[in-house]
Structure formats: structure tokens, C-alpha cells
Amino acid sequence: MAQYFSRFVLASAVLFGSAANSATVVLYDQDFENPQKFVNDGDDINISTSVNENYGNQPPGFSFAQAFTVETLNISGSRRGGGSAAFDTGYSDPGGLGGDFALGIWDGQDDRLGLSFNVGNRNFLNLGIILSSIDLSAFSGPFLPSEGLVPTLGFTLFDNPGGGASLTGNGNVLSKQTLTGTASPQAVFDWTEGVLAFSTRGNSDGNVTLQFDLLEGQYAAFDNLLITASDVEGDLGGGNGGGEIPAPIPLPASLPLLAGGLMGLAFLRRRSV
């Protein structure tokens, strides 16, 4: 009996060790509600401050790579001044998903943003995000017709050996995805929610870079990023992109049965001694 009990315990340890190793890990959870150096440069746009200046070191040590201007937009006007200047009315967010701030990106001049992470040996980098068509009423805008345009945001996952902030890593593409939104009036956010999964297979040392690039739609905004590393495709680990702590990973449903089995075997082993 002792022999079978030992084998059972070993098999159980392997089973639950594998479950622990494949757990989904939250790498980044950002709703862009706390810009550090936001300045309303006019028409509810902060164009003079980089994304890294506003949101770098959130969490400590994290930094963005940025090409050209990726702006911080003041959506509601309830914080950091203004909020009523865009198109003479301010922006409108009927669904209320964007909060007070979001990031805006133009499809001209190659505006891009890079976020770099270490995924370890996990097979997927998963992304939760919201996307909306929107426009600027200043700084060379408006770019869109009054009814808006359909935006398509492109994402490329690059190998990034050694880590560090980057836009393209070593140039080796691991995976690509796109998210397409809907057309909406120039000053109105109509958010499309997306969950995208990127294969990390073929990376050098676990370090990867996810690049954001608006492919179509002239101008758009994105918000509520939740990025995880997982062996489960599309698993966001219980977070929601709103800056909240992810829910604990649930224990397997079979755990109570396993515990009961172990206790029973222990009792039988004790009686047989």
C-alpha cells in the first residue's frame, strides 16, 4: 500500500505542478487614468508630452518606445483642466468605457508605440483593449469626415533578445493581429472591445515587443490595456484592463476530490501498518 500511495502522491504533484507552471501572469494593466505630466495643449489634447512621460514607470521600471506623436486625450474634462474645447463641445463617451483619458494615434507619419515584456516560457501573449474612431479639432486636424471612419489598429509581436524598450526588437516577427472598430462622429467615442492572442513561439529568451500601429482610419484612440502571458490562448487572467487587481486563479474543480482521496489512502495505509 505504501508503494501505491507514494506513486499517487507523485502523480498528483506532477499534475498540480504543471497547472502552476501554466498559470496566466498579468504583465500590464493600464487604463491611462493617471498621466503624470498631462498638459492641455489645446482642444483637450496633450501632444507635447510623450506617452513615456505621462505613463512611464507604471508599474515601476516599465517604459514605452514611441515613434512620432502618440497623444493623450482628455475625454471627460473632469480632470487636469479643460475638457470642453474639442470641436467646441468636448469629447463624448456615451458608453463610459474610456474614463477621463485615452491615447490617440494617427495613421500618418508612422506613429507607433512599443511595449516590451518577458513572457518566460509561456506560449501566448494575450491582449485586452478597446478601440474607437475619434478626431482632433486642432494640431492639423480634423482628419476625418464628420461621420468618422472605420479604424484598424495593427499589432506586431517581435522577438526582443535581452529585453529593454523597443519598437521592433531584433526585427524577427513572431505574430501579427489586427482589431477593427466602427465609424463614429468626430467627437464621439464608440468603443470596440477586443481580446487578441499572439503566439510567442520562436522567441530567443522570453523577451518580446508588442508594437501598435494604426493601419487605417486616419485617427483613432485606444484604452484599457490588459496584457498577460499564458499557455492558454486569449486568457486574460481575470483582470479587465481597468487597473484592477486580477481575480485569483481558481483552484481545479477536482482539488477537493484529490484531497479526499489522499486522506483516504493515508487512513488505509495507517490501518495496514
Protein backbone atom coordinates (compact mmCIF):
# COMPACT_ATOMS: atom_id res chain seq x y z
CA MET A 1 0.00 0.00 0.00
CA ALA A 2 2.84 2.39 0.80
CA GLN A 3 4.18 1.86 -2.71
CA TYR A 4 0.87 2.82 -4.37
CA PHE A 5 0.38 5.78 -2.04
CA SER A 6 3.81 7.18 -2.96
CA ARG A 7 3.06 6.83 -6.67
CA PHE A 8 -0.30 8.57 -6.24
CA VAL A 9 1.27 11.49 -4.39
CA LEU A 10 3.99 11.79 -7.06
CA ALA A 11 1.43 11.81 -9.89
CA SER A 12 -0.62 14.45 -8.07
CA ALA A 13 2.45 16.63 -7.56
CA VAL A 14 3.26 16.44 -11.27
CA LEU A 15 -0.35 17.29 -12.18
CA PHE A 16 -0.59 20.35 -9.96
CA GLY A 17 3.00 21.42 -10.63
CA SER A 18 2.11 21.57 -14.33
CA ALA A 19 -1.03 23.60 -13.54
CA ALA A 20 1.03 26.10 -11.51
CA ASN A 21 3.62 26.46 -14.28
CA SER A 22 0.94 27.20 -16.89
CA ALA A 23 -0.80 29.87 -14.79
CA THR A 24 -1.66 33.12 -16.55
CA VAL A 25 0.50 36.05 -15.44
CA VAL A 26 -0.62 39.68 -15.77
CA LEU A 27 2.19 41.71 -17.35
CA TYR A 28 0.47 45.08 -17.78
CA ASP A 29 -2.86 46.59 -16.67
CA GLN A 30 -3.36 50.22 -17.69
CA ASP A 31 -6.47 52.39 -18.06
CA PHE A 32 -4.44 55.61 -18.61
CA GLU A 33 -6.29 57.44 -15.85
CA ASN A 34 -3.15 58.77 -14.12
CA PRO A 35 -0.97 60.76 -16.55
CA GLN A 36 1.98 62.16 -14.61
CA LYS A 37 2.66 65.30 -16.66
CA PHE A 38 -0.55 65.94 -18.58
CA VAL A 39 -0.88 69.45 -20.01
CA ASN A 40 -3.87 70.51 -22.08
CA ASP A 41 -2.06 71.89 -25.12
CA GLY A 42 -5.36 72.96 -26.62
CA ASP A 43 -8.61 71.31 -27.70
CA ASP A 44 -8.30 68.67 -24.95
CA ILE A 45 -5.09 67.18 -26.36
CA ASN A 46 -1.68 66.71 -24.74
CA ILE A 47 0.63 66.49 -27.76
CA SER A 48 3.80 67.97 -26.26
CA THR A 49 4.27 65.31 -23.57
CA SER A 50 5.33 61.82 -24.63
CA VAL A 51 3.44 58.71 -23.58
CA ASN A 52 6.51 57.70 -21.60
CA GLU A 53 6.49 60.99 -19.66
CA ASN A 54 2.82 60.53 -18.80
CA TYR A 55 2.71 56.78 -18.18
CA GLY A 56 6.26 55.51 -17.84
CA ASN A 57 7.21 53.79 -14.58
CA GLN A 58 3.66 52.45 -14.24
CA PRO A 59 4.49 49.82 -12.93
CA PRO A 60 7.97 50.77 -11.65
CA GLY A 61 10.64 50.19 -14.27
CA PHE A 62 8.23 50.00 -17.21
CA SER A 63 8.83 52.24 -20.22
CA PHE A 64 7.39 52.75 -23.70
CA ALA A 65 9.12 53.12 -27.03
CA GLN A 66 7.44 55.74 -29.22
CA ALA A 67 7.77 56.95 -32.80
CA PHE A 68 6.47 60.45 -33.53
CA THR A 69 3.41 61.66 -31.62
CA VAL A 70 1.03 59.41 -29.74
CA GLU A 71 -1.21 61.82 -27.85
CA THR A 72 -3.04 61.73 -24.52
CA LEU A 73 -6.67 62.81 -24.98
CA ASN A 74 -8.75 64.41 -22.22
CA ILE A 75 -12.07 62.63 -22.69
CA SER A 76 -14.34 63.90 -19.94
CA GLY A 77 -12.69 67.12 -18.86
CA SER A 78 -13.28 66.29 -15.21
CA ARG A 79 -9.55 66.25 -14.51
CA ARG A 80 -6.44 68.25 -15.42
CA GLY A 81 -8.25 71.24 -16.87
CA GLY A 82 -10.40 71.87 -19.89
CA GLY A 83 -12.40 69.09 -21.44
CA SER A 84 -14.88 71.26 -23.33
CA ALA A 85 -12.72 72.58 -26.17
CA ALA A 86 -12.59 69.72 -28.69
CA PHE A 87 -14.91 70.68 -31.56
CA ASP A 88 -16.24 73.44 -29.25
CA THR A 89 -18.12 70.90 -27.14
CA GLY A 90 -15.57 68.49 -25.72
CA TYR A 91 -15.50 64.77 -26.36
CA SER A 92 -18.47 62.49 -25.67
CA ASP A 93 -18.19 58.90 -24.41
CA PRO A 94 -21.77 57.53 -24.28
CA GLY A 95 -20.63 54.05 -23.25
CA GLY A 96 -18.46 55.42 -20.44
CA LEU A 97 -15.65 52.93 -21.09
CA GLY A 98 -12.86 55.44 -21.63
CA GLY A 99 -12.89 57.21 -18.27
CA ASP A 100 -11.05 60.55 -18.29
CA PHE A 101 -8.10 59.81 -20.58
CA ALA A 102 -7.17 57.68 -23.59
CA LEU A 103 -4.32 57.52 -26.10
CA GLY A 104 -4.75 58.85 -29.64
CA ILE A 105 -2.79 57.68 -32.68
CA TRP A 106 -2.58 58.91 -36.29
CA ASP A 107 -2.09 56.63 -39.29
CA GLY A 108 0.21 59.14 -40.99
CA GLN A 109 3.89 59.87 -40.28
CA ASP A 110 4.28 56.31 -38.96
CA ASP A 111 3.09 56.97 -35.39
CA ARG A 112 3.84 53.80 -33.42
CA LEU A 113 4.08 52.61 -29.83
CA GLY A 114 6.13 49.70 -28.47
CA LEU A 115 5.60 47.79 -25.22
CA SER A 116 8.20 45.20 -24.16
CA PHE A 117 7.77 42.29 -21.75
CA ASN A 118 9.25 38.99 -20.67
CA VAL A 119 6.77 36.15 -21.19
CA GLY A 120 9.05 33.45 -19.80
CA ASN A 121 8.35 30.09 -21.43
CA ARG A 122 4.64 30.73 -21.97
CA ASN A 123 3.19 30.22 -25.43
CA PHE A 124 0.95 33.28 -25.75
CA LEU A 125 0.93 36.99 -25.08
CA ASN A 126 -2.75 37.96 -24.72
CA LEU A 127 -4.12 41.48 -25.10
CA GLY A 128 -7.38 43.04 -23.96
CA ILE A 129 -8.04 46.51 -25.44
CA ILE A 130 -10.76 48.95 -26.51
CA LEU A 131 -10.57 50.93 -29.78
CA SER A 132 -12.58 53.85 -31.16
CA SER A 133 -12.60 56.19 -34.11
CA ILE A 134 -12.07 59.78 -32.91
CA ASP A 135 -10.69 63.02 -34.34
CA LEU A 136 -8.71 66.12 -33.36
CA SER A 137 -10.02 69.64 -33.88
CA ALA A 138 -6.51 71.13 -33.67
CA PHE A 139 -2.87 70.26 -34.48
CA SER A 140 -3.52 69.72 -38.21
CA GLY A 141 -6.91 68.13 -37.54
CA PRO A 142 -9.63 67.37 -38.26
CA PHE A 143 -8.54 64.31 -40.22
CA LEU A 144 -11.89 62.51 -40.56
CA PRO A 145 -15.19 63.29 -42.29
CA SER A 146 -18.00 64.29 -39.93
CA GLU A 147 -19.37 60.74 -39.79
CA GLY A 148 -15.94 59.30 -38.95
CA LEU A 149 -14.04 56.38 -40.47
CA VAL A 150 -13.58 52.74 -39.55
CA PRO A 151 -10.23 52.35 -37.71
CA THR A 152 -7.98 49.30 -37.95
CA LEU A 153 -5.23 49.02 -35.36
CA GLY A 154 -2.38 46.68 -36.22
CA PHE A 155 -0.26 44.75 -33.72
CA THR A 156 3.05 43.01 -34.35
CA LEU A 157 4.85 40.88 -31.79
CA PHE A 158 8.63 40.90 -32.23
CA ASP A 159 11.40 38.86 -30.67
CA ASN A 160 13.42 41.19 -28.40
CA PRO A 161 16.52 39.35 -27.10
CA GLY A 162 17.92 40.89 -23.93
CA GLY A 163 14.78 42.95 -23.26
CA GLY A 164 14.54 46.74 -22.92
CA ALA A 165 12.21 49.29 -24.50
CA SER A 166 11.94 48.80 -28.26
CA LEU A 167 9.68 49.29 -31.28
CA THR A 168 10.83 46.31 -33.34
CA GLY A 169 13.11 44.16 -31.15
CA ASN A 170 15.53 42.30 -33.41
CA GLY A 171 13.09 42.56 -36.32
CA ASN A 172 12.03 38.90 -36.16
CA VAL A 173 8.20 38.82 -36.31
CA LEU A 174 6.60 36.20 -34.06
CA SER A 175 2.92 37.01 -34.61
CA LYS A 176 0.53 39.62 -36.06
CA GLN A 177 -3.08 40.62 -35.38
CA THR A 178 -5.50 43.47 -36.19
CA LEU A 179 -8.53 44.96 -34.45
CA THR A 180 -11.17 46.84 -36.44
CA GLY A 181 -13.58 49.32 -34.86
CA THR A 182 -16.60 51.25 -36.11
CA ALA A 183 -17.10 54.69 -37.63
CA SER A 184 -18.38 57.33 -35.21
CA PRO A 185 -18.86 61.13 -35.31
CA GLN A 186 -15.64 63.10 -34.93
CA ALA A 187 -16.02 63.92 -31.23
CA VAL A 188 -17.82 60.72 -30.11
CA PHE A 189 -16.16 57.58 -28.77
CA ASP A 190 -17.78 54.32 -29.86
CA TRP A 191 -15.57 51.67 -28.31
CA THR A 192 -14.95 48.23 -29.76
CA GLU A 193 -13.66 45.72 -27.23
CA GLY A 194 -11.11 43.16 -28.37
CA VAL A 195 -9.19 40.20 -26.99
CA LEU A 196 -6.22 39.16 -29.14
CA ALA A 197 -3.72 36.33 -28.73
CA PHE A 198 -0.16 36.38 -30.07
CA SER A 199 1.98 33.27 -30.36
CA THR A 200 5.34 33.72 -28.62
CA ARG A 201 6.86 30.54 -30.09
CA GLY A 202 10.29 31.07 -31.58
CA ASN A 203 11.41 33.86 -29.24
CA SER A 204 15.04 33.84 -28.10
CA ASP A 205 14.89 34.30 -24.33
CA GLY A 206 11.31 35.17 -23.34
CA ASN A 207 11.69 38.88 -24.17
CA VAL A 208 9.21 40.23 -26.72
CA THR A 209 7.96 43.60 -28.01
CA LEU A 210 4.35 44.37 -28.96
CA GLN A 211 4.07 47.21 -31.47
CA PHE A 212 0.89 49.28 -32.01
CA ASP A 213 0.34 50.91 -35.42
CA LEU A 214 -2.87 52.46 -36.82
CA LEU A 215 -3.23 50.97 -40.30
CA GLU A 216 -6.49 52.58 -41.42
CA GLY A 217 -8.99 55.19 -40.24
CA GLN A 218 -6.84 58.35 -40.18
CA TYR A 219 -7.07 58.83 -36.42
CA ALA A 220 -8.25 56.66 -33.51
CA ALA A 221 -7.99 56.16 -29.75
CA PHE A 222 -7.30 53.08 -27.64
CA ASP A 223 -7.60 52.45 -23.91
CA ASN A 224 -7.91 49.87 -21.10
CA LEU A 225 -4.95 47.64 -21.91
CA LEU A 226 -4.64 44.29 -20.18
CA ILE A 227 -1.67 42.16 -21.26
CA THR A 228 -0.95 38.67 -19.97
CA ALA A 229 1.46 35.80 -20.60
CA SER A 230 -0.18 32.38 -20.67
CA ASP A 231 -0.21 28.90 -22.13
CA VAL A 232 -3.94 29.44 -22.72
CA GLU A 233 -4.75 31.35 -25.89
CA GLY A 234 -6.72 34.54 -25.11
CA ASP A 235 -6.72 34.07 -21.31
CA LEU A 236 -6.60 37.47 -19.57
CA GLY A 237 -6.26 36.02 -16.10
CA GLY A 238 -9.31 37.62 -14.51
CA GLY A 239 -8.33 41.29 -14.98
CA ASN A 240 -10.36 43.74 -17.06
CA GLY A 241 -7.97 46.43 -18.25
CA GLY A 242 -9.32 48.90 -15.72
CA GLY A 243 -6.37 49.00 -13.36
CA GLU A 244 -7.92 46.44 -11.00
CA ILE A 245 -6.05 43.57 -9.38
CA PRO A 246 -6.81 40.38 -11.36
CA ALA A 247 -9.01 37.80 -9.69
CA PRO A 248 -7.14 34.86 -8.12
CA ILE A 249 -6.59 31.89 -10.41
CA PRO A 250 -9.28 29.36 -9.39
CA LEU A 251 -8.24 26.01 -7.99
CA PRO A 252 -9.08 22.99 -10.16
CA ALA A 253 -12.56 21.61 -9.50
CA SER A 254 -11.02 18.21 -8.78
CA LEU A 255 -8.96 19.50 -5.86
CA PRO A 256 -11.49 18.57 -3.12
CA LEU A 257 -11.75 15.05 -4.58
CA LEU A 258 -7.98 14.76 -4.69
CA ALA A 259 -7.67 15.92 -1.09
CA GLY A 260 -10.30 13.43 -0.01
CA GLY A 261 -8.53 10.64 -1.89
CA LEU A 262 -5.22 11.44 -0.27
CA MET A 263 -6.80 11.43 3.18
CA GLY A 264 -8.48 8.09 2.47
CA LEU A 265 -5.27 6.49 1.25
CA ALA A 266 -3.42 7.80 4.26
CA PHE A 267 -6.05 6.25 6.53
CA LEU A 268 -5.84 2.88 4.77
CA ARG A 269 -2.07 2.95 4.87
CA ARG A 270 -2.16 3.66 8.62
CA ARG A 271 -4.53 0.69 9.22
CA SER A 272 -2.34 -1.65 7.18
CA VAL A 273 0.77 -0.88 9.24
